[in-house]
Amino acid sequence: MDAFFILFAQSAVVAFQAAWLSVAVQDNIRNPRLNERGFAAVLGMDMVKQDEEVYRAVSGRRVASPAVEKALFRALVAAEVIVSGLLWIAALLLLLAAFGLVGHVAAREWATVAVLGFVAIWASLLIGGQWFWYRIGMLPALQAHFFLIIWGTATLAFFAAGP
C-alpha cells in the first residue's frame, strides 16, 4: 500500500483519539463536578462499603481528604490537556508526512509518544481503580478504561504497518 494512505489513515486514527480526549477535557473543565464526584467516590471507596468484608480488608487505602481528591483530579485533567495537545500535534505531523512535508519517522515518533500518553491516562485510572477496588460499584468505568487502553494499544500496533 502506498505510504500516503498509511500515513493518512494513521493521522485520522490519532485525530479520532485527540477529538475524543478533547471532548473529555472540555467536560472536565466546564463541568468538573460531573466527574469529580465519581472520582471522589472511587478514592473514598464509597461503593466498596457495600461489601463489608472487602471494605474492612482494604479501607486503609481510601483517600478521605477533599483537598487531595481535588488535587489528584486536577492532575488528571492537566495530563488530559497535555496529551490532547500532543495527539493533535501528532495527527497534524502524520498528515504532513503523508504529503511529504515532514519526515515520517519523526511524525510517527511524536504519534507514538502521544498515543502512549493516551494509554497511560487510562492505565493509571485502571491501576488506581484496582487499588481502590472500583470494580465494586463502578464496573462501567472499569470497562470504559479497558476499552480505551485497547483502542490506544491498537493504534500503537497500527504504527507498525509502516510506511
N, C-alpha and C. Protein backbone atom coordinates (compact mmCIF):
# COMPACT_ATOMS: atom_id res chain seq x y z
N MET A 1 0.86 -1.18 0.00
CA MET A 1 0.00 0.00 0.00
C MET A 1 0.90 1.24 0.00
N ASP A 2 0.47 2.25 -0.65
CA ASP A 2 1.21 3.50 -0.76
C ASP A 2 1.38 4.15 0.61
N ALA A 3 2.56 4.73 0.86
CA ALA A 3 2.87 5.37 2.14
C ALA A 3 1.88 6.49 2.46
N PHE A 4 1.39 7.19 1.43
CA PHE A 4 0.44 8.27 1.65
C PHE A 4 -0.79 7.76 2.40
N PHE A 5 -1.36 6.66 1.94
CA PHE A 5 -2.59 6.15 2.53
C PHE A 5 -2.38 5.65 3.96
N ILE A 6 -1.25 5.01 4.20
CA ILE A 6 -0.97 4.54 5.56
C ILE A 6 -0.82 5.73 6.50
N LEU A 7 -0.02 6.71 6.12
CA LEU A 7 0.18 7.88 6.97
C LEU A 7 -1.11 8.67 7.15
N PHE A 8 -1.90 8.77 6.08
CA PHE A 8 -3.18 9.47 6.18
C PHE A 8 -4.10 8.76 7.16
N ALA A 9 -4.17 7.45 7.06
CA ALA A 9 -5.02 6.66 7.97
C ALA A 9 -4.50 6.76 9.41
N GLN A 10 -3.19 6.71 9.58
CA GLN A 10 -2.63 6.85 10.93
C GLN A 10 -2.96 8.22 11.51
N SER A 11 -2.88 9.25 10.67
CA SER A 11 -3.25 10.59 11.10
C SER A 11 -4.71 10.63 11.54
N ALA A 12 -5.58 10.02 10.79
CA ALA A 12 -7.00 10.01 11.12
C ALA A 12 -7.26 9.30 12.45
N VAL A 13 -6.62 8.15 12.64
CA VAL A 13 -6.84 7.39 13.87
C VAL A 13 -6.38 8.20 15.09
N VAL A 14 -5.24 8.86 14.97
CA VAL A 14 -4.74 9.69 16.07
C VAL A 14 -5.66 10.89 16.28
N ALA A 15 -6.15 11.48 15.20
CA ALA A 15 -7.07 12.61 15.31
C ALA A 15 -8.37 12.20 15.99
N PHE A 16 -8.83 10.98 15.75
CA PHE A 16 -10.04 10.50 16.43
C PHE A 16 -9.81 10.46 17.94
N GLN A 17 -8.65 9.96 18.35
CA GLN A 17 -8.34 9.92 19.79
C GLN A 17 -8.21 11.34 20.34
N ALA A 18 -7.59 12.22 19.58
CA ALA A 18 -7.45 13.62 20.01
C ALA A 18 -8.83 14.26 20.19
N ALA A 19 -9.72 14.00 19.26
CA ALA A 19 -11.07 14.57 19.35
C ALA A 19 -11.82 14.02 20.56
N TRP A 20 -11.73 12.71 20.77
CA TRP A 20 -12.41 12.10 21.91
C TRP A 20 -11.89 12.69 23.22
N LEU A 21 -10.56 12.76 23.34
CA LEU A 21 -9.98 13.27 24.57
C LEU A 21 -10.26 14.76 24.74
N SER A 22 -10.32 15.50 23.65
CA SER A 22 -10.64 16.93 23.73
C SER A 22 -12.05 17.17 24.28
N VAL A 23 -12.98 16.32 23.89
CA VAL A 23 -14.34 16.42 24.43
C VAL A 23 -14.32 16.12 25.93
N ALA A 24 -13.57 15.10 26.32
CA ALA A 24 -13.47 14.76 27.75
C ALA A 24 -12.84 15.92 28.53
N VAL A 25 -11.80 16.52 27.98
CA VAL A 25 -11.15 17.66 28.62
C VAL A 25 -12.13 18.82 28.77
N GLN A 26 -12.85 19.10 27.70
CA GLN A 26 -13.84 20.19 27.74
C GLN A 26 -14.87 19.95 28.84
N ASP A 27 -15.35 18.72 28.95
CA ASP A 27 -16.32 18.41 30.00
C ASP A 27 -15.69 18.56 31.39
N ASN A 28 -14.46 18.11 31.54
CA ASN A 28 -13.81 18.19 32.85
C ASN A 28 -13.47 19.62 33.25
N ILE A 29 -13.30 20.50 32.28
CA ILE A 29 -13.01 21.90 32.59
C ILE A 29 -14.31 22.69 32.79
N ARG A 30 -15.27 22.49 31.92
CA ARG A 30 -16.53 23.25 32.02
C ARG A 30 -17.45 22.75 33.12
N ASN A 31 -17.47 21.44 33.33
CA ASN A 31 -18.36 20.83 34.33
C ASN A 31 -17.58 19.85 35.20
N PRO A 32 -16.61 20.33 35.94
CA PRO A 32 -15.75 19.41 36.68
C PRO A 32 -16.50 18.57 37.71
N ARG A 33 -17.57 19.09 38.27
CA ARG A 33 -18.30 18.34 39.31
C ARG A 33 -18.86 17.03 38.78
N LEU A 34 -19.14 16.97 37.48
CA LEU A 34 -19.71 15.74 36.93
C LEU A 34 -18.78 14.55 37.14
N ASN A 35 -17.49 14.74 36.91
CA ASN A 35 -16.53 13.64 37.09
C ASN A 35 -15.85 13.68 38.44
N GLU A 36 -15.78 14.85 39.07
CA GLU A 36 -15.15 14.93 40.40
C GLU A 36 -15.89 14.06 41.40
N ARG A 37 -17.21 14.04 41.31
CA ARG A 37 -17.99 13.23 42.27
C ARG A 37 -17.65 11.75 42.15
N GLY A 38 -17.61 11.25 40.92
CA GLY A 38 -17.27 9.84 40.72
C GLY A 38 -15.83 9.55 41.11
N PHE A 39 -14.95 10.47 40.78
CA PHE A 39 -13.53 10.33 41.13
C PHE A 39 -13.37 10.27 42.65
N ALA A 40 -14.06 11.18 43.37
CA ALA A 40 -14.00 11.19 44.83
C ALA A 40 -14.63 9.93 45.41
N ALA A 41 -15.69 9.43 44.78
CA ALA A 41 -16.34 8.21 45.27
C ALA A 41 -15.39 7.01 45.16
N VAL A 42 -14.60 6.97 44.09
CA VAL A 42 -13.61 5.89 43.94
C VAL A 42 -12.54 6.02 45.02
N LEU A 43 -11.99 7.23 45.16
CA LEU A 43 -10.93 7.44 46.14
C LEU A 43 -11.41 7.19 47.56
N GLY A 44 -12.67 7.56 47.83
CA GLY A 44 -13.24 7.35 49.15
C GLY A 44 -13.79 5.94 49.37
N MET A 45 -13.74 5.14 48.31
CA MET A 45 -14.20 3.75 48.34
C MET A 45 -15.66 3.65 48.77
N ASP A 46 -16.46 4.61 48.33
CA ASP A 46 -17.87 4.65 48.72
C ASP A 46 -18.63 3.39 48.33
N MET A 47 -18.40 2.89 47.13
CA MET A 47 -19.11 1.69 46.67
C MET A 47 -18.60 0.43 47.37
N VAL A 48 -17.34 0.44 47.74
CA VAL A 48 -16.73 -0.74 48.38
C VAL A 48 -17.38 -0.99 49.74
N LYS A 49 -17.90 0.04 50.35
CA LYS A 49 -18.55 -0.10 51.66
C LYS A 49 -19.71 -1.08 51.61
N GLN A 50 -20.25 -1.34 50.42
CA GLN A 50 -21.35 -2.29 50.26
C GLN A 50 -20.91 -3.71 50.62
N ASP A 51 -19.64 -3.99 50.45
CA ASP A 51 -19.10 -5.31 50.78
C ASP A 51 -18.24 -5.16 52.04
N GLU A 52 -18.83 -5.44 53.18
CA GLU A 52 -18.18 -5.19 54.46
C GLU A 52 -16.84 -5.91 54.60
N GLU A 53 -16.77 -7.14 54.12
CA GLU A 53 -15.53 -7.91 54.25
C GLU A 53 -14.39 -7.25 53.45
N VAL A 54 -14.68 -6.91 52.22
CA VAL A 54 -13.66 -6.27 51.38
C VAL A 54 -13.30 -4.91 51.97
N TYR A 55 -14.29 -4.15 52.38
CA TYR A 55 -14.03 -2.81 52.92
C TYR A 55 -13.13 -2.88 54.15
N ARG A 56 -13.41 -3.83 55.04
CA ARG A 56 -12.55 -4.00 56.23
C ARG A 56 -11.11 -4.30 55.83
N ALA A 57 -10.95 -5.10 54.79
CA ALA A 57 -9.61 -5.53 54.38
C ALA A 57 -8.81 -4.43 53.69
N VAL A 58 -9.48 -3.54 52.95
CA VAL A 58 -8.74 -2.57 52.11
C VAL A 58 -9.06 -1.11 52.41
N SER A 59 -9.89 -0.83 53.38
CA SER A 59 -10.31 0.55 53.62
C SER A 59 -9.16 1.47 54.04
N GLY A 60 -8.06 0.92 54.47
CA GLY A 60 -6.89 1.73 54.81
C GLY A 60 -6.31 2.45 53.60
N ARG A 61 -6.70 2.04 52.41
CA ARG A 61 -6.23 2.68 51.18
C ARG A 61 -7.02 3.94 50.82
N ARG A 62 -8.17 4.11 51.42
CA ARG A 62 -9.07 5.18 50.98
C ARG A 62 -8.49 6.56 51.24
N VAL A 63 -8.88 7.47 50.37
CA VAL A 63 -8.50 8.87 50.50
C VAL A 63 -9.73 9.61 50.99
N ALA A 64 -9.60 10.28 52.13
CA ALA A 64 -10.75 10.96 52.72
C ALA A 64 -10.56 12.47 52.77
N SER A 65 -9.58 12.96 52.06
CA SER A 65 -9.30 14.39 52.06
C SER A 65 -9.82 15.04 50.79
N PRO A 66 -10.80 15.95 50.90
CA PRO A 66 -11.29 16.64 49.71
C PRO A 66 -10.18 17.40 48.98
N ALA A 67 -9.22 17.92 49.71
CA ALA A 67 -8.11 18.65 49.08
C ALA A 67 -7.26 17.71 48.23
N VAL A 68 -6.98 16.53 48.73
CA VAL A 68 -6.19 15.55 47.97
C VAL A 68 -7.00 15.07 46.77
N GLU A 69 -8.29 14.80 46.97
CA GLU A 69 -9.15 14.38 45.86
C GLU A 69 -9.13 15.42 44.74
N LYS A 70 -9.28 16.69 45.11
CA LYS A 70 -9.31 17.77 44.12
C LYS A 70 -7.96 17.90 43.42
N ALA A 71 -6.87 17.78 44.18
CA ALA A 71 -5.53 17.88 43.59
C ALA A 71 -5.28 16.74 42.60
N LEU A 72 -5.68 15.53 42.96
CA LEU A 72 -5.50 14.39 42.05
C LEU A 72 -6.35 14.55 40.80
N PHE A 73 -7.57 15.03 40.96
CA PHE A 73 -8.44 15.24 39.80
C PHE A 73 -7.85 16.31 38.88
N ARG A 74 -7.35 17.38 39.45
CA ARG A 74 -6.72 18.43 38.64
C ARG A 74 -5.48 17.91 37.92
N ALA A 75 -4.71 17.06 38.57
CA ALA A 75 -3.54 16.46 37.91
C ALA A 75 -3.98 15.61 36.73
N LEU A 76 -5.06 14.87 36.90
CA LEU A 76 -5.59 14.06 35.81
C LEU A 76 -6.03 14.95 34.64
N VAL A 77 -6.75 16.01 34.93
CA VAL A 77 -7.21 16.91 33.87
C VAL A 77 -6.00 17.56 33.19
N ALA A 78 -4.99 17.94 33.95
CA ALA A 78 -3.78 18.51 33.35
C ALA A 78 -3.13 17.52 32.40
N ALA A 79 -3.05 16.26 32.80
CA ALA A 79 -2.49 15.23 31.92
C ALA A 79 -3.33 15.09 30.66
N GLU A 80 -4.65 15.14 30.80
CA GLU A 80 -5.54 15.04 29.64
C GLU A 80 -5.32 16.22 28.68
N VAL A 81 -5.14 17.41 29.23
CA VAL A 81 -4.91 18.59 28.39
C VAL A 81 -3.60 18.43 27.61
N ILE A 82 -2.55 18.02 28.30
CA ILE A 82 -1.24 17.84 27.65
C ILE A 82 -1.31 16.77 26.58
N VAL A 83 -1.88 15.63 26.90
CA VAL A 83 -1.95 14.52 25.94
C VAL A 83 -2.86 14.87 24.77
N SER A 84 -3.95 15.57 25.04
CA SER A 84 -4.82 16.00 23.95
C SER A 84 -4.05 16.87 22.97
N GLY A 85 -3.29 17.82 23.47
CA GLY A 85 -2.47 18.66 22.61
C GLY A 85 -1.44 17.87 21.83
N LEU A 86 -0.79 16.92 22.50
CA LEU A 86 0.19 16.07 21.81
C LEU A 86 -0.46 15.24 20.71
N LEU A 87 -1.66 14.74 20.97
CA LEU A 87 -2.36 13.96 19.96
C LEU A 87 -2.69 14.80 18.73
N TRP A 88 -3.14 16.05 18.94
CA TRP A 88 -3.44 16.92 17.80
C TRP A 88 -2.17 17.23 17.01
N ILE A 89 -1.08 17.51 17.71
CA ILE A 89 0.19 17.77 17.02
C ILE A 89 0.61 16.54 16.22
N ALA A 90 0.51 15.38 16.85
CA ALA A 90 0.91 14.13 16.17
C ALA A 90 0.04 13.87 14.94
N ALA A 91 -1.26 14.09 15.06
CA ALA A 91 -2.15 13.88 13.91
C ALA A 91 -1.77 14.81 12.77
N LEU A 92 -1.47 16.06 13.10
CA LEU A 92 -1.06 17.02 12.07
C LEU A 92 0.27 16.60 11.44
N LEU A 93 1.22 16.19 12.26
CA LEU A 93 2.53 15.78 11.72
C LEU A 93 2.39 14.56 10.80
N LEU A 94 1.55 13.61 11.18
CA LEU A 94 1.33 12.44 10.32
C LEU A 94 0.68 12.85 9.00
N LEU A 95 -0.24 13.78 9.06
CA LEU A 95 -0.87 14.27 7.83
C LEU A 95 0.16 14.98 6.96
N LEU A 96 0.98 15.82 7.56
CA LEU A 96 2.04 16.49 6.80
C LEU A 96 3.03 15.49 6.22
N ALA A 97 3.31 14.44 6.97
CA ALA A 97 4.20 13.39 6.48
C ALA A 97 3.58 12.66 5.28
N ALA A 98 2.27 12.48 5.30
CA ALA A 98 1.59 11.84 4.18
C ALA A 98 1.80 12.63 2.89
N PHE A 99 1.88 13.95 3.02
CA PHE A 99 2.10 14.81 1.86
C PHE A 99 3.58 15.09 1.61
N GLY A 100 4.45 14.43 2.39
CA GLY A 100 5.88 14.60 2.19
C GLY A 100 6.45 15.90 2.71
N LEU A 101 5.73 16.58 3.58
CA LEU A 101 6.18 17.87 4.08
C LEU A 101 7.04 17.77 5.35
N VAL A 102 6.93 16.68 6.04
CA VAL A 102 7.81 16.39 7.19
C VAL A 102 8.19 14.92 7.11
N GLY A 103 9.24 14.57 7.82
CA GLY A 103 9.68 13.17 7.80
C GLY A 103 8.71 12.26 8.53
N HIS A 104 8.47 11.10 7.94
CA HIS A 104 7.51 10.18 8.55
C HIS A 104 8.04 9.56 9.83
N VAL A 105 9.34 9.40 9.96
CA VAL A 105 9.90 8.81 11.18
C VAL A 105 9.63 9.73 12.37
N ALA A 106 9.94 11.02 12.21
CA ALA A 106 9.69 11.97 13.30
C ALA A 106 8.20 12.07 13.62
N ALA A 107 7.36 12.06 12.60
CA ALA A 107 5.91 12.16 12.82
C ALA A 107 5.42 10.94 13.60
N ARG A 108 5.91 9.77 13.25
CA ARG A 108 5.47 8.56 13.95
C ARG A 108 6.04 8.50 15.37
N GLU A 109 7.22 9.07 15.59
CA GLU A 109 7.75 9.14 16.95
C GLU A 109 6.87 10.02 17.83
N TRP A 110 6.48 11.20 17.31
CA TRP A 110 5.56 12.08 18.04
C TRP A 110 4.25 11.34 18.33
N ALA A 111 3.75 10.66 17.31
CA ALA A 111 2.48 9.96 17.46
C ALA A 111 2.59 8.85 18.50
N THR A 112 3.69 8.14 18.50
CA THR A 112 3.88 7.07 19.47
C THR A 112 3.87 7.62 20.89
N VAL A 113 4.58 8.72 21.11
CA VAL A 113 4.60 9.34 22.44
C VAL A 113 3.20 9.81 22.83
N ALA A 114 2.50 10.45 21.90
CA ALA A 114 1.16 10.97 22.19
C ALA A 114 0.18 9.84 22.52
N VAL A 115 0.19 8.81 21.70
CA VAL A 115 -0.75 7.69 21.93
C VAL A 115 -0.35 6.93 23.20
N LEU A 116 0.92 6.84 23.48
CA LEU A 116 1.35 6.22 24.74
C LEU A 116 0.82 7.04 25.92
N GLY A 117 0.79 8.37 25.79
CA GLY A 117 0.19 9.21 26.81
C GLY A 117 -1.29 8.91 26.98
N PHE A 118 -1.98 8.71 25.87
CA PHE A 118 -3.40 8.35 25.89
C PHE A 118 -3.60 7.05 26.67
N VAL A 119 -2.78 6.06 26.35
CA VAL A 119 -2.86 4.77 27.04
C VAL A 119 -2.51 4.94 28.52
N ALA A 120 -1.52 5.76 28.81
CA ALA A 120 -1.08 5.95 30.20
C ALA A 120 -2.16 6.57 31.08
N ILE A 121 -2.94 7.49 30.51
CA ILE A 121 -4.03 8.07 31.30
C ILE A 121 -4.99 6.99 31.76
N TRP A 122 -5.42 6.16 30.80
CA TRP A 122 -6.43 5.15 31.14
C TRP A 122 -5.83 4.01 31.94
N ALA A 123 -4.57 3.70 31.70
CA ALA A 123 -3.91 2.67 32.51
C ALA A 123 -3.76 3.15 33.96
N SER A 124 -3.46 4.44 34.14
CA SER A 124 -3.33 4.95 35.51
C SER A 124 -4.67 4.89 36.24
N LEU A 125 -5.76 5.18 35.51
CA LEU A 125 -7.08 5.07 36.14
C LEU A 125 -7.43 3.62 36.42
N LEU A 126 -7.04 2.74 35.54
CA LEU A 126 -7.30 1.31 35.75
C LEU A 126 -6.50 0.79 36.95
N ILE A 127 -5.23 1.17 37.02
CA ILE A 127 -4.38 0.73 38.13
C ILE A 127 -4.85 1.37 39.43
N GLY A 128 -5.11 2.68 39.38
CA GLY A 128 -5.63 3.35 40.58
C GLY A 128 -6.97 2.78 41.00
N GLY A 129 -7.82 2.51 40.02
CA GLY A 129 -9.11 1.91 40.32
C GLY A 129 -8.97 0.55 40.97
N GLN A 130 -7.99 -0.22 40.52
CA GLN A 130 -7.73 -1.53 41.13
C GLN A 130 -7.34 -1.34 42.60
N TRP A 131 -6.49 -0.33 42.85
CA TRP A 131 -6.05 -0.05 44.22
C TRP A 131 -7.24 0.28 45.12
N PHE A 132 -8.19 1.05 44.56
CA PHE A 132 -9.36 1.48 45.33
C PHE A 132 -10.58 0.59 45.11
N TRP A 133 -10.39 -0.55 44.46
CA TRP A 133 -11.44 -1.55 44.27
C TRP A 133 -12.68 -0.99 43.56
N TYR A 134 -12.48 -0.22 42.50
CA TYR A 134 -13.64 0.37 41.84
C TYR A 134 -14.44 -0.63 41.04
N ARG A 135 -13.98 -1.86 40.96
CA ARG A 135 -14.77 -2.89 40.28
C ARG A 135 -16.04 -3.20 41.07
N ILE A 136 -16.05 -2.80 42.35
CA ILE A 136 -17.27 -2.92 43.14
C ILE A 136 -18.04 -1.61 42.97
N GLY A 137 -19.07 -1.64 42.17
CA GLY A 137 -19.94 -0.50 42.00
C GLY A 137 -19.60 0.44 40.86
N MET A 138 -18.44 0.28 40.23
CA MET A 138 -18.04 1.18 39.15
C MET A 138 -17.63 0.39 37.91
N LEU A 139 -18.30 -0.73 37.68
CA LEU A 139 -17.96 -1.59 36.55
C LEU A 139 -17.99 -0.87 35.21
N PRO A 140 -18.95 0.01 34.93
CA PRO A 140 -18.91 0.72 33.63
C PRO A 140 -17.63 1.54 33.44
N ALA A 141 -17.13 2.16 34.50
CA ALA A 141 -15.87 2.92 34.39
C ALA A 141 -14.71 1.97 34.10
N LEU A 142 -14.67 0.85 34.78
CA LEU A 142 -13.63 -0.16 34.56
C LEU A 142 -13.65 -0.62 33.10
N GLN A 143 -14.83 -0.92 32.59
CA GLN A 143 -14.96 -1.37 31.20
C GLN A 143 -14.54 -0.29 30.22
N ALA A 144 -14.91 0.95 30.49
CA ALA A 144 -14.53 2.06 29.61
C ALA A 144 -13.01 2.22 29.59
N HIS A 145 -12.38 2.13 30.75
CA HIS A 145 -10.92 2.28 30.80
C HIS A 145 -10.22 1.14 30.05
N PHE A 146 -10.73 -0.09 30.19
CA PHE A 146 -10.17 -1.20 29.41
C PHE A 146 -10.32 -0.93 27.92
N PHE A 147 -11.49 -0.49 27.50
CA PHE A 147 -11.72 -0.21 26.08
C PHE A 147 -10.75 0.85 25.57
N LEU A 148 -10.56 1.92 26.34
CA LEU A 148 -9.68 3.00 25.90
C LEU A 148 -8.23 2.53 25.81
N ILE A 149 -7.82 1.66 26.71
CA ILE A 149 -6.47 1.10 26.64
C ILE A 149 -6.33 0.24 25.38
N ILE A 150 -7.34 -0.55 25.09
CA ILE A 150 -7.32 -1.39 23.88
C ILE A 150 -7.27 -0.51 22.63
N TRP A 151 -8.04 0.56 22.60
CA TRP A 151 -8.05 1.48 21.47
C TRP A 151 -6.65 2.08 21.27
N GLY A 152 -6.06 2.54 22.34
CA GLY A 152 -4.72 3.11 22.24
C GLY A 152 -3.68 2.08 21.82
N THR A 153 -3.76 0.90 22.37
CA THR A 153 -2.80 -0.16 22.03
C THR A 153 -2.96 -0.58 20.57
N ALA A 154 -4.19 -0.65 20.10
CA ALA A 154 -4.43 -0.98 18.68
C ALA A 154 -3.85 0.10 17.78
N THR A 155 -3.96 1.35 18.21
CA THR A 155 -3.37 2.44 17.43
C THR A 155 -1.86 2.31 17.38
N LEU A 156 -1.25 2.00 18.52
CA LEU A 156 0.21 1.79 18.54
C LEU A 156 0.60 0.63 17.60
N ALA A 157 -0.20 -0.42 17.60
CA ALA A 157 0.08 -1.55 16.70
C ALA A 157 -0.06 -1.13 15.23
N PHE A 158 -1.00 -0.23 14.94
CA PHE A 158 -1.20 0.25 13.58
C PHE A 158 0.04 0.99 13.07
N PHE A 159 0.78 1.61 13.97
CA PHE A 159 2.02 2.30 13.56
C PHE A 159 3.04 1.30 13.00
N ALA A 160 2.92 0.05 13.40
CA ALA A 160 3.83 -0.99 12.87
C ALA A 160 3.57 -1.29 11.40
N ALA A 161 2.42 -0.82 10.88
CA ALA A 161 2.09 -1.06 9.46
C ALA A 161 3.00 -0.30 8.52
N GLY A 162 3.80 0.61 9.04
CA GLY A 162 4.72 1.34 8.16
C GLY A 162 4.34 2.79 8.11
N PRO A 163 4.83 3.52 7.24
CA PRO A 163 5.49 3.13 6.00
C PRO A 163 6.92 2.71 6.21
